[in-house]
PDB file of N, CA and C in Angstrom:
ATOM      1  N   ASP A   1     148.515 240.354  70.635  1.00  0.00           N
ATOM      2  CA  ASP A   1     149.875 240.625  70.238  1.00  0.00           C
ATOM      3  C   ASP A   1     150.621 239.299  70.054  1.00  0.00           C
ATOM      4  N   TRP A   2     151.351 239.167  68.980  1.00  0.00           N
ATOM      5  CA  TRP A   2     152.011 237.907  68.626  1.00  0.00           C
ATOM      6  C   TRP A   2     152.969 237.419  69.705  1.00  0.00           C
ATOM      7  N   ILE A   3     153.735 238.297  70.289  1.00  0.00           N
ATOM      8  CA  ILE A   3     154.758 237.906  71.259  1.00  0.00           C
ATOM      9  C   ILE A   3     154.136 237.272  72.507  1.00  0.00           C
ATOM     10  N   LEU A   4     152.892 237.583  72.796  1.00  0.00           N
ATOM     11  CA  LEU A   4     152.223 237.005  73.959  1.00  0.00           C
ATOM     12  C   LEU A   4     151.964 235.510  73.784  1.00  0.00           C
ATOM     13  N   GLY A   5     152.146 234.996  72.578  1.00  0.00           N
ATOM     14  CA  GLY A   5     152.019 233.564  72.337  1.00  0.00           C
ATOM     15  C   GLY A   5     153.056 232.749  73.083  1.00  0.00           C
ATOM     16  N   PHE A   6     154.115 233.391  73.560  1.00  0.00           N
ATOM     17  CA  PHE A   6     155.150 232.700  74.335  1.00  0.00           C
ATOM     18  C   PHE A   6     154.803 232.631  75.825  1.00  0.00           C
ATOM     19  N   GLN A   7     153.834 233.421  76.235  1.00  0.00           N
ATOM     20  CA  GLN A   7     153.470 233.485  77.648  1.00  0.00           C
ATOM     21  C   GLN A   7     152.995 232.114  78.134  1.00  0.00           C
ATOM     22  N   GLY A   8     153.549 231.667  79.253  1.00  0.00           N
ATOM     23  CA  GLY A   8     153.166 230.391  79.835  1.00  0.00           C
ATOM     24  C   GLY A   8     153.801 229.179  79.183  1.00  0.00           C
ATOM     25  N   LYS A   9     154.676 229.397  78.214  1.00  0.00           N
ATOM     26  CA  LYS A   9     155.338 228.286  77.525  1.00  0.00           C
ATOM     27  C   LYS A   9     156.619 227.910  78.257  1.00  0.00           C
ATOM     28  N   SER A  10     157.036 226.674  78.066  1.00  0.00           N
ATOM     29  CA  SER A  10     158.303 226.195  78.602  1.00  0.00           C
ATOM     30  C   SER A  10     158.906 225.252  77.574  1.00  0.00           C
ATOM     31  N   LEU A  11     160.075 224.752  77.846  1.00  0.00           N
ATOM     32  CA  LEU A  11     160.737 223.875  76.884  1.00  0.00           C
ATOM     33  C   LEU A  11     159.915 222.622  76.612  1.00  0.00           C
ATOM     34  N   ASN A  12     159.139 222.184  77.590  1.00  0.00           N
ATOM     35  CA  ASN A  12     158.325 220.983  77.419  1.00  0.00           C
ATOM     36  C   ASN A  12     156.851 221.275  77.195  1.00  0.00           C
ATOM     37  N   ASN A  13     156.485 222.536  77.087  1.00  0.00           N
ATOM     38  CA  ASN A  13     155.101 222.923  76.837  1.00  0.00           C
ATOM     39  C   ASN A  13     155.067 224.071  75.849  1.00  0.00           C
ATOM     40  N   PRO A  14     154.952 223.838  74.574  1.00  0.00           N
ATOM     41  CA  PRO A  14     154.724 222.542  73.942  1.00  0.00           C
ATOM     42  C   PRO A  14     156.006 221.708  73.919  1.00  0.00           C
ATOM     43  N   ASP A  15     155.881 220.454  73.495  1.00  0.00           N
ATOM     44  CA  ASP A  15     157.075 219.611  73.446  1.00  0.00           C
ATOM     45  C   ASP A  15     158.080 220.186  72.444  1.00  0.00           C
ATOM     46  N   LYS A  16     159.327 219.770  72.562  1.00  0.00           N
ATOM     47  CA  LYS A  16     160.412 220.358  71.758  1.00  0.00           C
ATOM     48  C   LYS A  16     160.128 220.322  70.260  1.00  0.00           C
ATOM     49  N   SER A  17     159.472 219.281  69.786  1.00  0.00           N
ATOM     50  CA  SER A  17     159.220 219.167  68.346  1.00  0.00           C
ATOM     51  C   SER A  17     158.179 220.169  67.854  1.00  0.00           C
ATOM     52  N   SER A  18     157.433 220.785  68.761  1.00  0.00           N
ATOM     53  CA  SER A  18     156.409 221.753  68.373  1.00  0.00           C
ATOM     54  C   SER A  18     156.880 223.196  68.466  1.00  0.00           C
ATOM     55  N   TRP A  19     158.151 223.397  68.797  1.00  0.00           N
ATOM     56  CA  TRP A  19     158.705 224.748  68.858  1.00  0.00           C
ATOM     57  C   TRP A  19     159.049 225.204  67.445  1.00  0.00           C
ATOM     58  N   LYS A  20     157.997 225.385  66.640  1.00  0.00           N
ATOM     59  CA  LYS A  20     158.113 225.840  65.253  1.00  0.00           C
ATOM     60  C   LYS A  20     156.857 226.646  64.950  1.00  0.00           C
ATOM     61  N   VAL A  21     156.895 227.390  63.859  1.00  0.00           N
ATOM     62  CA  VAL A  21     155.684 228.071  63.419  1.00  0.00           C
ATOM     63  C   VAL A  21     154.731 227.036  62.830  1.00  0.00           C
ATOM     64  N   LYS A  22     153.447 227.374  62.810  1.00  0.00           N
ATOM     65  CA  LYS A  22     152.427 226.439  62.325  1.00  0.00           C
ATOM     66  C   LYS A  22     152.705 225.963  60.905  1.00  0.00           C
ATOM     67  N   ARG A  23     153.220 226.834  60.070  1.00  0.00           N
ATOM     68  CA  ARG A  23     153.527 226.459  58.686  1.00  0.00           C
ATOM     69  C   ARG A  23     154.519 225.297  58.633  1.00  0.00           C
ATOM     70  N   ASP A  24     155.375 225.197  59.657  1.00  0.00           N
ATOM     71  CA  ASP A  24     156.375 224.124  59.725  1.00  0.00           C
ATOM     72  C   ASP A  24     155.920 222.968  60.618  1.00  0.00           C
ATOM     73  N   GLY A  25     154.634 222.961  60.996  1.00  0.00           N
ATOM     74  CA  GLY A  25     154.105 221.882  61.818  1.00  0.00           C
ATOM     75  C   GLY A  25     154.180 222.122  63.309  1.00  0.00           C
ATOM     76  N   GLY A  26     154.444 223.373  63.702  1.00  0.00           N
ATOM     77  CA  GLY A  26     154.572 223.693  65.120  1.00  0.00           C
ATOM     78  C   GLY A  26     153.335 224.332  65.703  1.00  0.00           C
ATOM     79  N   ASP A  27     153.485 224.905  66.879  1.00  0.00           N
ATOM     80  CA  ASP A  27     152.370 225.489  67.626  1.00  0.00           C
ATOM     81  C   ASP A  27     152.270 227.011  67.546  1.00  0.00           C
ATOM     82  N   PHE A  28     153.225 227.674  66.926  1.00  0.00           N
ATOM     83  CA  PHE A  28     153.265 229.132  66.970  1.00  0.00           C
ATOM     84  C   PHE A  28     152.798 229.757  65.662  1.00  0.00           C
ATOM     85  N   ASP A  29     151.988 230.817  65.806  1.00  0.00           N
ATOM     86  CA  ASP A  29     151.502 231.543  64.634  1.00  0.00           C
ATOM     87  C   ASP A  29     152.640 232.271  63.950  1.00  0.00           C
ATOM     88  N   GLN A  30     152.465 232.511  62.653  1.00  0.00           N
ATOM     89  CA  GLN A  30     153.374 233.388  61.931  1.00  0.00           C
ATOM     90  C   GLN A  30     152.565 234.615  61.516  1.00  0.00           C
ATOM     91  N   PHE A  31     153.238 235.665  61.124  1.00  0.00           N
ATOM     92  CA  PHE A  31     152.540 236.864  60.672  1.00  0.00           C
ATOM     93  C   PHE A  31     152.030 236.617  59.262  1.00  0.00           C
ATOM     94  N   THR A  32     150.963 237.300  58.894  1.00  0.00           N
ATOM     95  CA  THR A  32     150.480 237.213  57.528  1.00  0.00           C
ATOM     96  C   THR A  32     151.552 237.751  56.601  1.00  0.00           C
ATOM     97  N   GLY A  33     151.978 236.938  55.671  1.00  0.00           N
ATOM     98  CA  GLY A  33     152.990 237.346  54.705  1.00  0.00           C
ATOM     99  C   GLY A  33     154.414 237.318  55.225  1.00  0.00           C
ATOM    100  N   ALA A  34     154.596 236.892  56.467  1.00  0.00           N
ATOM    101  CA  ALA A  34     155.954 236.847  57.024  1.00  0.00           C
ATOM    102  C   ALA A  34     156.112 235.574  57.846  1.00  0.00           C
ATOM    103  N   THR A  35     157.012 234.745  57.428  1.00  0.00           N
ATOM    104  CA  THR A  35     157.276 233.517  58.172  1.00  0.00           C
ATOM    105  C   THR A  35     158.701 233.493  58.695  1.00  0.00           C
ATOM    106  N   ILE A  36     159.621 234.130  57.991  1.00  0.00           N
ATOM    107  CA  ILE A  36     161.036 234.043  58.352  1.00  0.00           C
ATOM    108  C   ILE A  36     161.305 234.648  59.726  1.00  0.00           C
ATOM    109  N   THR A  37     160.788 235.847  59.999  1.00  0.00           N
ATOM    110  CA  THR A  37     161.031 236.486  61.294  1.00  0.00           C
ATOM    111  C   THR A  37     160.427 235.683  62.440  1.00  0.00           C
ATOM    112  N   PRO A  38     159.146 235.297  62.381  1.00  0.00           N
ATOM    113  CA  PRO A  38     158.608 234.473  63.467  1.00  0.00           C
ATOM    114  C   PRO A  38     159.358 233.152  63.621  1.00  0.00           C
ATOM    115  N   ARG A  39     159.751 232.549  62.522  1.00  0.00           N
ATOM    116  CA  ARG A  39     160.510 231.294  62.572  1.00  0.00           C
ATOM    117  C   ARG A  39     161.822 231.510  63.324  1.00  0.00           C
ATOM    118  N   ALA A  40     162.506 232.599  63.035  1.00  0.00           N
ATOM    119  CA  ALA A  40     163.785 232.898  63.692  1.00  0.00           C
ATOM    120  C   ALA A  40     163.587 233.179  65.179  1.00  0.00           C
ATOM    121  N   ILE A  41     162.529 233.884  65.530  1.00  0.00           N
ATOM    122  CA  ILE A  41     162.278 234.204  66.932  1.00  0.00           C
ATOM    123  C   ILE A  41     161.924 232.949  67.716  1.00  0.00           C
ATOM    124  N   VAL A  42     161.039 232.119  67.172  1.00  0.00           N
ATOM    125  CA  VAL A  42     160.670 230.872  67.847  1.00  0.00           C
ATOM    126  C   VAL A  42     161.908 230.007  68.050  1.00  0.00           C
ATOM    127  N   ASP A  43     162.748 229.906  67.026  1.00  0.00           N
ATOM    128  CA  ASP A  43     163.972 229.112  67.134  1.00  0.00           C
ATOM    129  C   ASP A  43     164.921 229.691  68.184  1.00  0.00           C
ATOM    130  N   ALA A  44     165.060 231.013  68.217  1.00  0.00           N
ATOM    131  CA  ALA A  44     165.956 231.650  69.189  1.00  0.00           C
ATOM    132  C   ALA A  44     165.462 231.442  70.620  1.00  0.00           C
ATOM    133  N   VAL A  45     164.155 231.552  70.838  1.00  0.00           N
ATOM    134  CA  VAL A  45     163.609 231.326  72.177  1.00  0.00           C
ATOM    135  C   VAL A  45     163.827 229.875  72.585  1.00  0.00           C
ATOM    136  N   LYS A  46     163.587 228.941  71.665  1.00  0.00           N
ATOM    137  CA  LYS A  46     163.801 227.521  71.967  1.00  0.00           C
ATOM    138  C   LYS A  46     165.270 227.258  72.312  1.00  0.00           C
ATOM    139  N   ARG A  47     166.191 227.799  71.516  1.00  0.00           N
ATOM    140  CA  ARG A  47     167.617 227.585  71.781  1.00  0.00           C
ATOM    141  C   ARG A  47     168.026 228.180  73.126  1.00  0.00           C
ATOM    142  N   THR A  48     167.436 229.309  73.491  1.00  0.00           N
ATOM    143  CA  THR A  48     167.715 229.926  74.788  1.00  0.00           C
ATOM    144  C   THR A  48     167.221 229.040  75.926  1.00  0.00           C
ATOM    145  N   LEU A  49     166.024 228.479  75.776  1.00  0.00           N
ATOM    146  CA  LEU A  49     165.496 227.572  76.796  1.00  0.00           C
ATOM    147  C   LEU A  49     166.350 226.317  76.928  1.00  0.00           C
ATOM    148  N   VAL A  50     166.804 225.769  75.814  1.00  0.00           N
ATOM    149  CA  VAL A  50     167.673 224.589  75.848  1.00  0.00           C
ATOM    150  C   VAL A  50     168.985 224.932  76.544  1.00  0.00           C
ATOM    151  N   TYR A  51     169.561 226.085  76.203  1.00  0.00           N
ATOM    152  CA  TYR A  51     170.810 226.510  76.842  1.00  0.00           C
ATOM    153  C   TYR A  51     170.621 226.632  78.353  1.00  0.00           C
ATOM    154  N   PHE A  52     169.537 227.287  78.752  1.00  0.00           N
ATOM    155  CA  PHE A  52     169.278 227.467  80.181  1.00  0.00           C
ATOM    156  C   PHE A  52     169.121 226.121  80.878  1.00  0.00           C
ATOM    157  N   GLN A  53     168.369 225.215  80.264  1.00  0.00           N
ATOM    158  CA  GLN A  53     168.174 223.891  80.859  1.00  0.00           C
ATOM    159  C   GLN A  53     169.508 223.164  81.017  1.00  0.00           C
ATOM    160  N   ASP A  54     170.344 223.245  80.009  1.00  0.00           N
ATOM    161  CA  ASP A  54     171.627 222.539  80.030  1.00  0.00           C
ATOM    162  C   ASP A  54     172.674 223.207  80.916  1.00  0.00           C
ATOM    163  N   ASN A  55     172.500 224.498  81.220  1.00  0.00           N
ATOM    164  CA  ASN A  55     173.519 225.251  81.958  1.00  0.00           C
ATOM    165  C   ASN A  55     172.965 225.981  83.174  1.00  0.00           C
ATOM    166  N   LYS A  56     171.847 225.514  83.690  1.00  0.00           N
ATOM    167  CA  LYS A  56     171.174 226.206  84.791  1.00  0.00           C
ATOM    168  C   LYS A  56     172.106 226.432  85.981  1.00  0.00           C
ATOM    169  N   GLU A  57     172.860 225.424  86.338  1.00  0.00           N
ATOM    170  CA  GLU A  57     173.754 225.546  87.492  1.00  0.00           C
ATOM    171  C   GLU A  57     174.794 226.643  87.268  1.00  0.00           C
ATOM    172  N   ALA A  58     175.392 226.676  86.102  1.00  0.00           N
ATOM    173  CA  ALA A  58     176.409 227.686  85.799  1.00  0.00           C
ATOM    174  C   ALA A  58     175.796 229.084  85.718  1.00  0.00           C
ATOM    175  N   VAL A  59     174.566 229.174  85.216  1.00  0.00           N
ATOM    176  CA  VAL A  59     173.903 230.473  85.101  1.00  0.00           C
ATOM    177  C   VAL A  59     173.697 231.089  86.484  1.00  0.00           C
ATOM    178  N   PHE A  60     173.325 230.267  87.453  1.00  0.00           N
ATOM    179  CA  PHE A  60     173.039 230.778  88.788  1.00  0.00           C
ATOM    180  C   PHE A  60     174.226 230.735  89.735  1.00  0.00           C
ATOM    181  N   LYS A  61     175.318 230.151  89.304  1.00  0.00           N
ATOM    182  CA  LYS A  61     176.495 230.062  90.158  1.00  0.00           C
ATOM    183  C   LYS A  61     177.099 231.451  90.327  1.00  0.00           C
ATOM    184  N   GLN A  62     177.349 231.814  91.554  1.00  0.00           N
ATOM    185  CA  GLN A  62     177.968 233.104  91.822  1.00  0.00           C
ATOM    186  C   GLN A  62     179.451 232.897  92.039  1.00  0.00           C
ATOM    187  N   GLU A  63     180.222 233.719  91.401  1.00  0.00           N
ATOM    188  CA  GLU A  63     181.671 233.675  91.579  1.00  0.00           C
ATOM    189  C   GLU A  63     182.013 234.240  92.951  1.00  0.00           C
ATOM    190  N   THR A  64     182.906 233.587  93.647  1.00  0.00           N
ATOM    191  CA  THR A  64     183.372 234.103  94.930  1.00  0.00           C
ATOM    192  C   THR A  64     184.755 234.702  94.731  1.00  0.00           C
ATOM    193  N   GLU A  65     184.931 235.861  95.286  1.00  0.00           N
ATOM    194  CA  GLU A  65     186.230 236.522  95.168  1.00  0.00           C
ATOM    195  C   GLU A  65     187.132 236.061  96.298  1.00  0.00           C
ATOM    196  N   THR A  66     188.403 235.844  95.995  1.00  0.00           N
ATOM    197  CA  THR A  66     189.363 235.438  97.028  1.00  0.00           C
ATOM    198  C   THR A  66     190.375 236.523  97.273  1.00  0.00           C
TER     199      THR A  66
END
């Protein structure tokens, strides 16, 4: 299954420059006859990982009620 290609991946595995479909020089497969959807998904997952890395503290910060 194509989506399982993300299993075990992190922002640095593969390196940031490889978070693309193979057609664009990256590490991720695209579907036969379809590149736009896999390209968008790979990009969205990468952007989510970057956001999490940059905002990890805020993501896990719990608001305290006063």
